[in-house]
Amino acid sequence: MLLMIMALQVAVAIGIAWGLSRLVPADVALLLAVLVVLLVRLAITANNFRMTLRPVPEGAQIGLSQRVRLFFHEYASTMAVTSWHMLRHQPRMHIARVPRGVPVLLVHGYGANGGFWVHLAAQLEQRGYSHATVDLEPVFGDIEDFAVQLEQGVQALLAASRSEKVVIVAHSMGGLVARAWLRRFGASRAARIITLATPHHGTDLAHMGPGHNARQMRRDAEWLAQLDAADRGQRGLFTSIYSWHDNIIAPQDSCHLPGARNIGLPGIGHVGMGRHPEIASHILAEIMGIT
C-alpha cells in the first residue's frame, strides 16, 4: 500500500514534469513537479489541522509561533515517515545482550508499518531494551484480526527474550489493537500498555477513511462501545499519551481513557508523536518505571 502511494506521487511528479518540459527546461520542470507534490502534501496537512480544530482546556493553549512550529514539525514528520522510514522498513527484533527491564513491542497505527518507530526503537536499543515491531496486514483489515497478529508478535518476542511479560507501545489505531488483544488473550503477559494518540472513543475523521478498521474507529461504532465495556476493569494497565492539538483525532479528548493514567500535552501533531523528544521521554519514563 505504501509503495503504491509513493509510486502514485512519483507518477504524478513525472507527469507534471513532462507537461512542463514543453514550456521550461527539463531540470526546471522536474523541480517544479516535485514542488507541486510537496505543496499538495502541505495542503493535506493544513486541511487536517483545519478539520480537527477544537477548543483546548485552560493551560494547553499555544501561541502563534508554537502553532507554526507544530505545523511544520507535523509536516516534516509526515513526509519523513511516509516517504522514507516506512518504505525502508524491514521487520526487526532486537534482543539485547544484557537486557534491561521488560521487552517492548511496538505497534503502528492506521495505514502505517513498523517504520513509524525508527526513532523510539533507536532509543530503546541505546538503553538496553529488547524490542520488536509488528506489521499489521492487510492495511484496511479488521482490528480483531490485527489482535491475532499482535498475539503472534507477543509470543515471538517473549520466546526470544525469555521474558514472561511485555510492554506494548502503540500509536493511534494500534492502541485499539492492543485493547482488542487484551480482551481476547488476557492481561497475564502485559506489564504495561502505553497508547499514543489513540482514538479510544473514535475520531470524526474516521468517516473519511477506507476500510473495516476505519469504520471501527468512528465515534458511533458499535465495536468501540463493546470494547469500552469489556476492558474497564483493566484500565490500570494503561497509560494514554496524547496531544490537545492532534490533527487526526477529533475531538482530541477522545484519547482520554477513563481509569488509565492520562497524559495530555500541547503542541504536538499526530504523526509527529513518533519522533518528538517530549513524547519519547514520557514513554521511556513509563517503561523504566516498571519493576
C-alpha atoms as a PDB file:
ATOM      1  CA  MET A   1       0.000   0.000   0.000  1.00  0.00           C
ATOM      2  CA  LEU A   2       2.762   2.427   0.933  1.00  0.00           C
ATOM      3  CA  LEU A   3       4.658   1.543  -2.229  1.00  0.00           C
ATOM      4  CA  MET A   4       1.511   2.233  -4.254  1.00  0.00           C
ATOM      5  CA  ILE A   5       1.094   5.659  -2.644  1.00  0.00           C
ATOM      6  CA  MET A   6       4.743   6.520  -3.220  1.00  0.00           C
ATOM      7  CA  ALA A   7       4.544   5.257  -6.805  1.00  0.00           C
ATOM      8  CA  LEU A   8       1.482   7.435  -7.361  1.00  0.00           C
ATOM      9  CA  GLN A   9       3.337  10.502  -6.081  1.00  0.00           C
ATOM     10  CA  VAL A  10       6.289   9.733  -8.363  1.00  0.00           C
ATOM     11  CA  ALA A  11       3.964   9.167 -11.319  1.00  0.00           C
ATOM     12  CA  VAL A  12       2.207  12.479 -10.687  1.00  0.00           C
ATOM     13  CA  ALA A  13       5.552  14.282 -10.446  1.00  0.00           C
ATOM     14  CA  ILE A  14       6.750  12.697 -13.694  1.00  0.00           C
ATOM     15  CA  GLY A  15       3.506  13.610 -15.428  1.00  0.00           C
ATOM     16  CA  ILE A  16       3.731  17.221 -14.304  1.00  0.00           C
ATOM     17  CA  ALA A  17       7.407  17.387 -15.282  1.00  0.00           C
ATOM     18  CA  TRP A  18       6.624  16.003 -18.736  1.00  0.00           C
ATOM     19  CA  GLY A  19       3.884  18.559 -19.241  1.00  0.00           C
ATOM     20  CA  LEU A  20       6.061  21.448 -18.096  1.00  0.00           C
ATOM     21  CA  SER A  21       9.083  20.314 -20.113  1.00  0.00           C
ATOM     22  CA  ARG A  22       7.475  21.804 -23.210  1.00  0.00           C
ATOM     23  CA  LEU A  23       7.480  25.212 -21.564  1.00  0.00           C
ATOM     24  CA  VAL A  24      10.670  25.266 -19.466  1.00  0.00           C
ATOM     25  CA  PRO A  25      14.000  23.389 -19.363  1.00  0.00           C
ATOM     26  CA  ALA A  26      13.744  19.764 -18.179  1.00  0.00           C
ATOM     27  CA  ASP A  27      15.574  20.331 -14.886  1.00  0.00           C
ATOM     28  CA  VAL A  28      13.315  23.271 -14.035  1.00  0.00           C
ATOM     29  CA  ALA A  29      10.250  21.220 -14.971  1.00  0.00           C
ATOM     30  CA  LEU A  30      11.333  18.406 -12.647  1.00  0.00           C
ATOM     31  CA  LEU A  31      11.976  20.822  -9.800  1.00  0.00           C
ATOM     32  CA  LEU A  32       8.560  22.416 -10.260  1.00  0.00           C
ATOM     33  CA  ALA A  33       6.901  18.995 -10.367  1.00  0.00           C
ATOM     34  CA  VAL A  34       8.483  17.956  -7.072  1.00  0.00           C
ATOM     35  CA  LEU A  35       7.453  21.292  -5.585  1.00  0.00           C
ATOM     36  CA  VAL A  36       3.840  20.695  -6.638  1.00  0.00           C
ATOM     37  CA  VAL A  37       3.789  17.297  -4.897  1.00  0.00           C
ATOM     38  CA  LEU A  38       5.286  18.816  -1.744  1.00  0.00           C
ATOM     39  CA  LEU A  39       2.720  21.615  -1.789  1.00  0.00           C
ATOM     40  CA  VAL A  40      -0.131  19.125  -2.156  1.00  0.00           C
ATOM     41  CA  ARG A  41       1.132  17.227   0.890  1.00  0.00           C
ATOM     42  CA  LEU A  42       1.446  20.566   2.699  1.00  0.00           C
ATOM     43  CA  ALA A  43      -2.170  21.389   1.838  1.00  0.00           C
ATOM     44  CA  ILE A  44      -3.335  17.994   3.126  1.00  0.00           C
ATOM     45  CA  THR A  45      -1.581  18.605   6.443  1.00  0.00           C
ATOM     46  CA  ALA A  46      -3.120  22.077   6.699  1.00  0.00           C
ATOM     47  CA  ASN A  47      -6.586  20.722   5.944  1.00  0.00           C
ATOM     48  CA  ASN A  48      -6.228  18.053   8.630  1.00  0.00           C
ATOM     49  CA  PHE A  49      -5.447  20.723  11.202  1.00  0.00           C
ATOM     50  CA  ARG A  50      -8.432  22.740   9.983  1.00  0.00           C
ATOM     51  CA  MET A  51     -10.848  19.819  10.259  1.00  0.00           C
ATOM     52  CA  THR A  52      -9.671  18.802  13.732  1.00  0.00           C
ATOM     53  CA  LEU A  53      -9.527  22.271  15.292  1.00  0.00           C
ATOM     54  CA  ARG A  54     -11.302  22.095  18.646  1.00  0.00           C
ATOM     55  CA  PRO A  55     -11.280  24.119  21.898  1.00  0.00           C
ATOM     56  CA  VAL A  56      -8.473  23.102  24.252  1.00  0.00           C
ATOM     57  CA  PRO A  57      -8.516  23.139  28.060  1.00  0.00           C
ATOM     58  CA  GLU A  58      -7.088  26.012  30.032  1.00  0.00           C
ATOM     59  CA  GLY A  59      -3.330  25.751  30.247  1.00  0.00           C
ATOM     60  CA  ALA A  60      -2.992  23.870  26.950  1.00  0.00           C
ATOM     61  CA  GLN A  61      -3.316  26.885  24.649  1.00  0.00           C
ATOM     62  CA  ILE A  62      -0.380  27.706  22.383  1.00  0.00           C
ATOM     63  CA  GLY A  63       0.651  30.922  20.659  1.00  0.00           C
ATOM     64  CA  LEU A  64       1.223  31.707  17.001  1.00  0.00           C
ATOM     65  CA  SER A  65       4.919  30.785  16.980  1.00  0.00           C
ATOM     66  CA  GLN A  66       4.143  27.446  18.640  1.00  0.00           C
ATOM     67  CA  ARG A  67       1.414  26.790  16.079  1.00  0.00           C
ATOM     68  CA  VAL A  68       3.875  27.426  13.270  1.00  0.00           C
ATOM     69  CA  ARG A  69       6.394  25.023  14.836  1.00  0.00           C
ATOM     70  CA  LEU A  70       3.633  22.459  15.376  1.00  0.00           C
ATOM     71  CA  PHE A  71       2.523  22.653  11.750  1.00  0.00           C
ATOM     72  CA  PHE A  72       5.955  22.319  10.192  1.00  0.00           C
ATOM     73  CA  HIS A  73       7.081  19.628  12.636  1.00  0.00           C
ATOM     74  CA  GLU A  74       3.997  17.596  11.714  1.00  0.00           C
ATOM     75  CA  TYR A  75       4.511  18.213   8.007  1.00  0.00           C
ATOM     76  CA  ALA A  76       8.172  17.206   8.187  1.00  0.00           C
ATOM     77  CA  SER A  77       7.275  14.157  10.285  1.00  0.00           C
ATOM     78  CA  THR A  78       4.618  13.053   7.817  1.00  0.00           C
ATOM     79  CA  MET A  79       6.977  13.401   4.859  1.00  0.00           C
ATOM     80  CA  ALA A  80       9.865  11.640   6.606  1.00  0.00           C
ATOM     81  CA  VAL A  81       7.789   8.773   7.975  1.00  0.00           C
ATOM     82  CA  THR A  82       5.573   8.022   4.978  1.00  0.00           C
ATOM     83  CA  SER A  83       8.063   8.787   2.197  1.00  0.00           C
ATOM     84  CA  TRP A  84      11.219   7.363   3.769  1.00  0.00           C
ATOM     85  CA  HIS A  85      11.122   5.391   7.033  1.00  0.00           C
ATOM     86  CA  MET A  86       8.083   3.261   6.200  1.00  0.00           C
ATOM     87  CA  LEU A  87       9.347   2.494   2.703  1.00  0.00           C
ATOM     88  CA  ARG A  88      12.719   1.318   4.049  1.00  0.00           C
ATOM     89  CA  HIS A  89      11.256  -0.650   6.950  1.00  0.00           C
ATOM     90  CA  GLN A  90      12.086  -4.305   7.424  1.00  0.00           C
ATOM     91  CA  PRO A  91      10.517  -6.266  10.315  1.00  0.00           C
ATOM     92  CA  ARG A  92      13.149  -6.437  13.028  1.00  0.00           C
ATOM     93  CA  MET A  93      13.561  -7.822  16.503  1.00  0.00           C
ATOM     94  CA  HIS A  94      16.396  -6.630  18.734  1.00  0.00           C
ATOM     95  CA  ILE A  95      17.363  -8.790  21.702  1.00  0.00           C
ATOM     96  CA  ALA A  96      19.814  -7.003  23.992  1.00  0.00           C
ATOM     97  CA  ARG A  97      22.930  -8.878  25.110  1.00  0.00           C
ATOM     98  CA  VAL A  98      22.348  -7.783  28.679  1.00  0.00           C
ATOM     99  CA  PRO A  99      18.650  -6.923  28.619  1.00  0.00           C
ATOM    100  CA  ARG A 100      17.309  -4.150  30.772  1.00  0.00           C
ATOM    101  CA  GLY A 101      13.790  -4.412  32.112  1.00  0.00           C
ATOM    102  CA  VAL A 102      10.809  -5.780  30.221  1.00  0.00           C
ATOM    103  CA  PRO A 103      10.922  -6.191  26.412  1.00  0.00           C
ATOM    104  CA  VAL A 104       8.895  -3.713  24.361  1.00  0.00           C
ATOM    105  CA  LEU A 105       6.595  -4.468  21.436  1.00  0.00           C
ATOM    106  CA  LEU A 106       5.906  -1.506  19.131  1.00  0.00           C
ATOM    107  CA  VAL A 107       2.556  -1.391  17.317  1.00  0.00           C
ATOM    108  CA  HIS A 108       1.888   1.080  14.492  1.00  0.00           C
ATOM    109  CA  GLY A 109      -1.351   2.789  13.539  1.00  0.00           C
ATOM    110  CA  TYR A 110      -3.725   3.048  10.586  1.00  0.00           C
ATOM    111  CA  GLY A 111      -2.105   2.857   7.153  1.00  0.00           C
ATOM    112  CA  ALA A 112       1.402   2.549   8.567  1.00  0.00           C
ATOM    113  CA  ASN A 113       4.027  -0.087   9.395  1.00  0.00           C
ATOM    114  CA  GLY A 114       6.839  -0.588  11.889  1.00  0.00           C
ATOM    115  CA  GLY A 115       8.923   2.089  10.177  1.00  0.00           C
ATOM    116  CA  PHE A 116       6.933   4.604  12.202  1.00  0.00           C
ATOM    117  CA  TRP A 117       9.003   3.600  15.247  1.00  0.00           C
ATOM    118  CA  VAL A 118      12.514   4.174  13.887  1.00  0.00           C
ATOM    119  CA  HIS A 119      13.318   6.934  16.403  1.00  0.00           C
ATOM    120  CA  LEU A 120      11.947   5.242  19.523  1.00  0.00           C
ATOM    121  CA  ALA A 121      13.460   1.889  18.521  1.00  0.00           C
ATOM    122  CA  ALA A 122      16.900   3.507  18.377  1.00  0.00           C
ATOM    123  CA  GLN A 123      16.454   4.960  21.866  1.00  0.00           C
ATOM    124  CA  LEU A 124      15.297   1.632  23.269  1.00  0.00           C
ATOM    125  CA  GLU A 125      18.329  -0.076  21.777  1.00  0.00           C
ATOM    126  CA  GLN A 126      20.675   2.544  23.225  1.00  0.00           C
ATOM    127  CA  ARG A 127      19.195   1.947  26.672  1.00  0.00           C
ATOM    128  CA  GLY A 128      19.485  -1.829  26.505  1.00  0.00           C
ATOM    129  CA  TYR A 129      15.838  -2.782  25.983  1.00  0.00           C
ATOM    130  CA  SER A 130      14.906  -5.739  23.831  1.00  0.00           C
ATOM    131  CA  HIS A 131      12.176  -4.735  21.402  1.00  0.00           C
ATOM    132  CA  ALA A 132      10.377  -5.633  18.205  1.00  0.00           C
ATOM    133  CA  THR A 133       7.872  -4.175  15.778  1.00  0.00           C
ATOM    134  CA  VAL A 134       4.753  -5.835  14.436  1.00  0.00           C
ATOM    135  CA  ASP A 135       3.308  -5.083  10.983  1.00  0.00           C
ATOM    136  CA  LEU A 136      -0.485  -5.311  10.775  1.00  0.00           C
ATOM    137  CA  GLU A 137      -1.908  -6.521   7.465  1.00  0.00           C
ATOM    138  CA  PRO A 138      -3.936  -6.039   5.353  1.00  0.00           C
ATOM    139  CA  VAL A 139      -3.867  -2.265   5.713  1.00  0.00           C
ATOM    140  CA  PHE A 140      -7.652  -1.866   5.826  1.00  0.00           C
ATOM    141  CA  GLY A 141      -8.431  -5.066   7.722  1.00  0.00           C
ATOM    142  CA  ASP A 142     -10.443  -5.846  10.848  1.00  0.00           C
ATOM    143  CA  ILE A 143      -8.913  -4.721  14.149  1.00  0.00           C
ATOM    144  CA  GLU A 144      -9.942  -8.051  15.676  1.00  0.00           C
ATOM    145  CA  ASP A 145      -7.744  -9.815  13.110  1.00  0.00           C
ATOM    146  CA  PHE A 146      -4.914  -7.428  13.948  1.00  0.00           C
ATOM    147  CA  ALA A 147      -5.232  -8.548  17.591  1.00  0.00           C
ATOM    148  CA  VAL A 148      -4.345 -12.087  16.494  1.00  0.00           C
ATOM    149  CA  GLN A 149      -1.264 -10.755  14.689  1.00  0.00           C
ATOM    150  CA  LEU A 150      -0.331  -8.834  17.825  1.00  0.00           C
ATOM    151  CA  GLU A 151      -0.588 -12.065  19.818  1.00  0.00           C
ATOM    152  CA  GLN A 152       1.848 -13.678  17.405  1.00  0.00           C
ATOM    153  CA  GLY A 153       4.227 -10.772  17.939  1.00  0.00           C
ATOM    154  CA  VAL A 154       3.902 -11.074  21.709  1.00  0.00           C
ATOM    155  CA  GLN A 155       4.656 -14.788  21.611  1.00  0.00           C
ATOM    156  CA  ALA A 156       7.690 -14.295  19.369  1.00  0.00           C
ATOM    157  CA  LEU A 157       9.190 -11.513  21.500  1.00  0.00           C
ATOM    158  CA  LEU A 158       8.609 -13.340  24.779  1.00  0.00           C
ATOM    159  CA  ALA A 159      10.187 -16.518  23.407  1.00  0.00           C
ATOM    160  CA  ALA A 160      13.230 -14.701  22.003  1.00  0.00           C
ATOM    161  CA  SER A 161      13.781 -12.575  25.118  1.00  0.00           C
ATOM    162  CA  ARG A 162      12.919 -15.368  27.580  1.00  0.00           C
ATOM    163  CA  SER A 163      10.677 -12.960  29.406  1.00  0.00           C
ATOM    164  CA  GLU A 164       7.287 -13.558  30.992  1.00  0.00           C
ATOM    165  CA  LYS A 165       5.842 -10.114  30.308  1.00  0.00           C
ATOM    166  CA  VAL A 166       5.928  -7.461  27.619  1.00  0.00           C
ATOM    167  CA  VAL A 167       5.335  -3.718  27.406  1.00  0.00           C
ATOM    168  CA  ILE A 168       3.185  -2.718  24.442  1.00  0.00           C
ATOM    169  CA  VAL A 169       3.659   0.773  22.989  1.00  0.00           C
ATOM    170  CA  ALA A 170       1.003   1.501  20.385  1.00  0.00           C
ATOM    171  CA  HIS A 171       0.278   4.500  18.167  1.00  0.00           C
ATOM    172  CA  SER A 172      -3.205   5.601  17.109  1.00  0.00           C
ATOM    173  CA  MET A 173      -5.237   2.596  15.882  1.00  0.00           C
ATOM    174  CA  GLY A 174      -2.528   0.376  17.368  1.00  0.00           C
ATOM    175  CA  GLY A 175      -3.817   1.262  20.825  1.00  0.00           C
ATOM    176  CA  LEU A 176      -7.223  -0.145  19.894  1.00  0.00           C
ATOM    177  CA  VAL A 177      -5.491  -3.264  18.586  1.00  0.00           C
ATOM    178  CA  ALA A 178      -3.778  -3.600  21.978  1.00  0.00           C
ATOM    179  CA  ARG A 179      -7.111  -3.284  23.777  1.00  0.00           C
ATOM    180  CA  ALA A 180      -8.698  -5.859  21.461  1.00  0.00           C
ATOM    181  CA  TRP A 181      -5.738  -8.155  22.152  1.00  0.00           C
ATOM    182  CA  LEU A 182      -6.174  -7.697  25.894  1.00  0.00           C
ATOM    183  CA  ARG A 183      -9.868  -8.541  25.661  1.00  0.00           C
ATOM    184  CA  ARG A 184      -9.189 -11.668  23.622  1.00  0.00           C
ATOM    185  CA  PHE A 185      -5.982 -13.027  25.136  1.00  0.00           C
ATOM    186  CA  GLY A 186      -5.979 -11.664  28.680  1.00  0.00           C
ATOM    187  CA  ALA A 187      -3.679  -9.451  30.733  1.00  0.00           C
ATOM    188  CA  SER A 188      -1.322 -12.019  32.262  1.00  0.00           C
ATOM    189  CA  ARG A 189       1.607 -11.159  29.952  1.00  0.00           C
ATOM    190  CA  ALA A 190       1.101  -7.373  29.825  1.00  0.00           C
ATOM    191  CA  ALA A 191       3.409  -5.369  32.091  1.00  0.00           C
ATOM    192  CA  ARG A 192       2.118  -2.080  30.678  1.00  0.00           C
ATOM    193  CA  ILE A 193       0.227  -0.809  27.633  1.00  0.00           C
ATOM    194  CA  ILE A 194       1.182   2.691  26.508  1.00  0.00           C
ATOM    195  CA  THR A 195      -1.001   4.255  23.830  1.00  0.00           C
ATOM    196  CA  LEU A 196      -0.093   7.345  21.809  1.00  0.00           C
ATOM    197  CA  ALA A 197      -2.774   9.427  20.113  1.00  0.00           C
ATOM    198  CA  THR A 198      -5.220   6.528  20.241  1.00  0.00           C
ATOM    199  CA  PRO A 199      -8.877   7.344  19.454  1.00  0.00           C
ATOM    200  CA  HIS A 200     -10.245   5.369  22.392  1.00  0.00           C
ATOM    201  CA  HIS A 201     -13.672   6.863  21.714  1.00  0.00           C
ATOM    202  CA  GLY A 202     -13.288   7.256  17.955  1.00  0.00           C
ATOM    203  CA  THR A 203     -12.443  10.161  15.679  1.00  0.00           C
ATOM    204  CA  ASP A 204     -14.578  12.259  13.342  1.00  0.00           C
ATOM    205  CA  LEU A 205     -12.036  11.783  10.548  1.00  0.00           C
ATOM    206  CA  ALA A 206     -12.646   8.014  10.506  1.00  0.00           C
ATOM    207  CA  HIS A 207     -15.695   8.656   8.312  1.00  0.00           C
ATOM    208  CA  MET A 208     -13.277   9.736   5.581  1.00  0.00           C
ATOM    209  CA  GLY A 209     -11.022   6.677   5.762  1.00  0.00           C
ATOM    210  CA  PRO A 210     -11.444   3.459   3.773  1.00  0.00           C
ATOM    211  CA  GLY A 211     -11.521   0.005   5.297  1.00  0.00           C
ATOM    212  CA  HIS A 212     -13.184  -2.023   8.008  1.00  0.00           C
ATOM    213  CA  ASN A 213     -10.755  -0.656  10.595  1.00  0.00           C
ATOM    214  CA  ALA A 214     -11.730   2.932   9.742  1.00  0.00           C
ATOM    215  CA  ARG A 215     -15.392   2.079  10.316  1.00  0.00           C
ATOM    216  CA  GLN A 216     -14.464   0.568  13.678  1.00  0.00           C
ATOM    217  CA  MET A 217     -12.897   3.904  14.677  1.00  0.00           C
ATOM    218  CA  ARG A 218     -15.975   6.022  14.011  1.00  0.00           C
ATOM    219  CA  ARG A 219     -17.387   7.833  17.013  1.00  0.00           C
ATOM    220  CA  ASP A 220     -20.652   5.902  16.840  1.00  0.00           C
ATOM    221  CA  ALA A 221     -19.120   2.483  16.103  1.00  0.00           C
ATOM    222  CA  GLU A 222     -20.767  -0.371  17.989  1.00  0.00           C
ATOM    223  CA  TRP A 223     -17.426  -2.166  18.051  1.00  0.00           C
ATOM    224  CA  LEU A 224     -15.892   0.678  20.082  1.00  0.00           C
ATOM    225  CA  ALA A 225     -18.775   0.619  22.549  1.00  0.00           C
ATOM    226  CA  GLN A 226     -18.338  -3.127  23.062  1.00  0.00           C
ATOM    227  CA  LEU A 227     -14.595  -2.721  23.549  1.00  0.00           C
ATOM    228  CA  ASP A 228     -15.145   0.052  26.085  1.00  0.00           C
ATOM    229  CA  ALA A 229     -17.482  -2.124  28.132  1.00  0.00           C
ATOM    230  CA  ALA A 230     -15.126  -5.110  28.046  1.00  0.00           C
ATOM    231  CA  ASP A 231     -11.886  -3.706  29.479  1.00  0.00           C
ATOM    232  CA  ARG A 232     -12.991  -1.230  32.141  1.00  0.00           C
ATOM    233  CA  GLY A 233     -11.594  -3.422  34.891  1.00  0.00           C
ATOM    234  CA  GLN A 234      -8.123  -3.478  33.310  1.00  0.00           C
ATOM    235  CA  ARG A 235      -7.534   0.233  32.745  1.00  0.00           C
ATOM    236  CA  GLY A 236      -4.865   0.342  35.443  1.00  0.00           C
ATOM    237  CA  LEU A 237      -2.520  -1.314  32.931  1.00  0.00           C
ATOM    238  CA  PHE A 238      -2.815   1.633  30.549  1.00  0.00           C
ATOM    239  CA  THR A 239      -1.062   4.932  30.028  1.00  0.00           C
ATOM    240  CA  SER A 240      -2.635   7.134  27.356  1.00  0.00           C
ATOM    241  CA  ILE A 241      -0.380   9.873  25.989  1.00  0.00           C
ATOM    242  CA  TYR A 242      -1.954  12.338  23.588  1.00  0.00           C
ATOM    243  CA  SER A 243      -1.884  15.886  22.251  1.00  0.00           C
ATOM    244  CA  TRP A 244      -4.519  18.573  22.596  1.00  0.00           C
ATOM    245  CA  HIS A 245      -3.524  19.679  19.087  1.00  0.00           C
ATOM    246  CA  ASP A 246      -3.689  16.306  17.343  1.00  0.00           C
ATOM    247  CA  ASN A 247      -4.543  16.780  13.664  1.00  0.00           C
ATOM    248  CA  ILE A 248      -6.135  13.348  13.105  1.00  0.00           C
ATOM    249  CA  ILE A 249      -8.044  12.619  16.315  1.00  0.00           C
ATOM    250  CA  ALA A 250     -11.096  14.834  16.764  1.00  0.00           C
ATOM    251  CA  PRO A 251     -12.209  15.643  19.335  1.00  0.00           C
ATOM    252  CA  GLN A 252      -8.829  15.278  20.977  1.00  0.00           C
ATOM    253  CA  ASP A 253     -10.261  14.232  24.332  1.00  0.00           C
ATOM    254  CA  SER A 254     -11.293  11.001  22.621  1.00  0.00           C
ATOM    255  CA  CYS A 255      -7.786   9.884  23.590  1.00  0.00           C
ATOM    256  CA  HIS A 256      -8.641  10.188  27.284  1.00  0.00           C
ATOM    257  CA  LEU A 257      -9.185   6.687  28.673  1.00  0.00           C
ATOM    258  CA  PRO A 258     -11.089   6.660  31.983  1.00  0.00           C
ATOM    259  CA  GLY A 259      -9.305   4.631  34.634  1.00  0.00           C
ATOM    260  CA  ALA A 260      -5.938   4.860  32.881  1.00  0.00           C
ATOM    261  CA  ARG A 261      -3.003   7.168  33.533  1.00  0.00           C
ATOM    262  CA  ASN A 262      -3.669  10.001  31.058  1.00  0.00           C
ATOM    263  CA  ILE A 263      -1.021  12.463  29.875  1.00  0.00           C
ATOM    264  CA  GLY A 264      -2.346  15.268  27.669  1.00  0.00           C
ATOM    265  CA  LEU A 265       0.253  17.556  26.089  1.00  0.00           C
ATOM    266  CA  PRO A 266       0.021  20.684  23.919  1.00  0.00           C
ATOM    267  CA  GLY A 267       1.572  21.478  20.573  1.00  0.00           C
ATOM    268  CA  ILE A 268       2.329  18.054  19.036  1.00  0.00           C
ATOM    269  CA  GLY A 269       0.864  16.547  15.863  1.00  0.00           C
ATOM    270  CA  HIS A 270      -0.412  13.032  15.254  1.00  0.00           C
ATOM    271  CA  VAL A 271       2.495  11.615  13.239  1.00  0.00           C
ATOM    272  CA  GLY A 272       4.986  13.877  14.999  1.00  0.00           C
ATOM    273  CA  MET A 273       4.397  11.985  18.245  1.00  0.00           C
ATOM    274  CA  GLY A 274       6.625   9.213  16.925  1.00  0.00           C
ATOM    275  CA  ARG A 275       9.666  11.473  16.698  1.00  0.00           C
ATOM    276  CA  HIS A 276       9.025  14.139  19.345  1.00  0.00           C
ATOM    277  CA  PRO A 277      11.571  14.181  22.225  1.00  0.00           C
ATOM    278  CA  GLU A 278       8.975  15.035  24.881  1.00  0.00           C
ATOM    279  CA  ILE A 279       6.851  12.054  23.877  1.00  0.00           C
ATOM    280  CA  ALA A 280       9.890   9.770  23.905  1.00  0.00           C
ATOM    281  CA  SER A 281      10.787  10.991  27.397  1.00  0.00           C
ATOM    282  CA  HIS A 282       7.321  10.134  28.703  1.00  0.00           C
ATOM    283  CA  ILE A 283       7.375   6.697  27.079  1.00  0.00           C
ATOM    284  CA  LEU A 284      10.827   5.864  28.422  1.00  0.00           C
ATOM    285  CA  ALA A 285       9.868   7.070  31.898  1.00  0.00           C
ATOM    286  CA  GLU A 286       6.841   4.761  31.851  1.00  0.00           C
ATOM    287  CA  ILE A 287       8.946   1.806  30.703  1.00  0.00           C
ATOM    288  CA  MET A 288      11.763   2.422  33.174  1.00  0.00           C
ATOM    289  CA  GLY A 289       9.241   2.752  35.993  1.00  0.00           C
ATOM    290  CA  ILE A 290       8.131  -0.868  35.585  1.00  0.00           C
ATOM    291  CA  THR A 291       9.539  -3.129  38.279  1.00  0.00           C
END
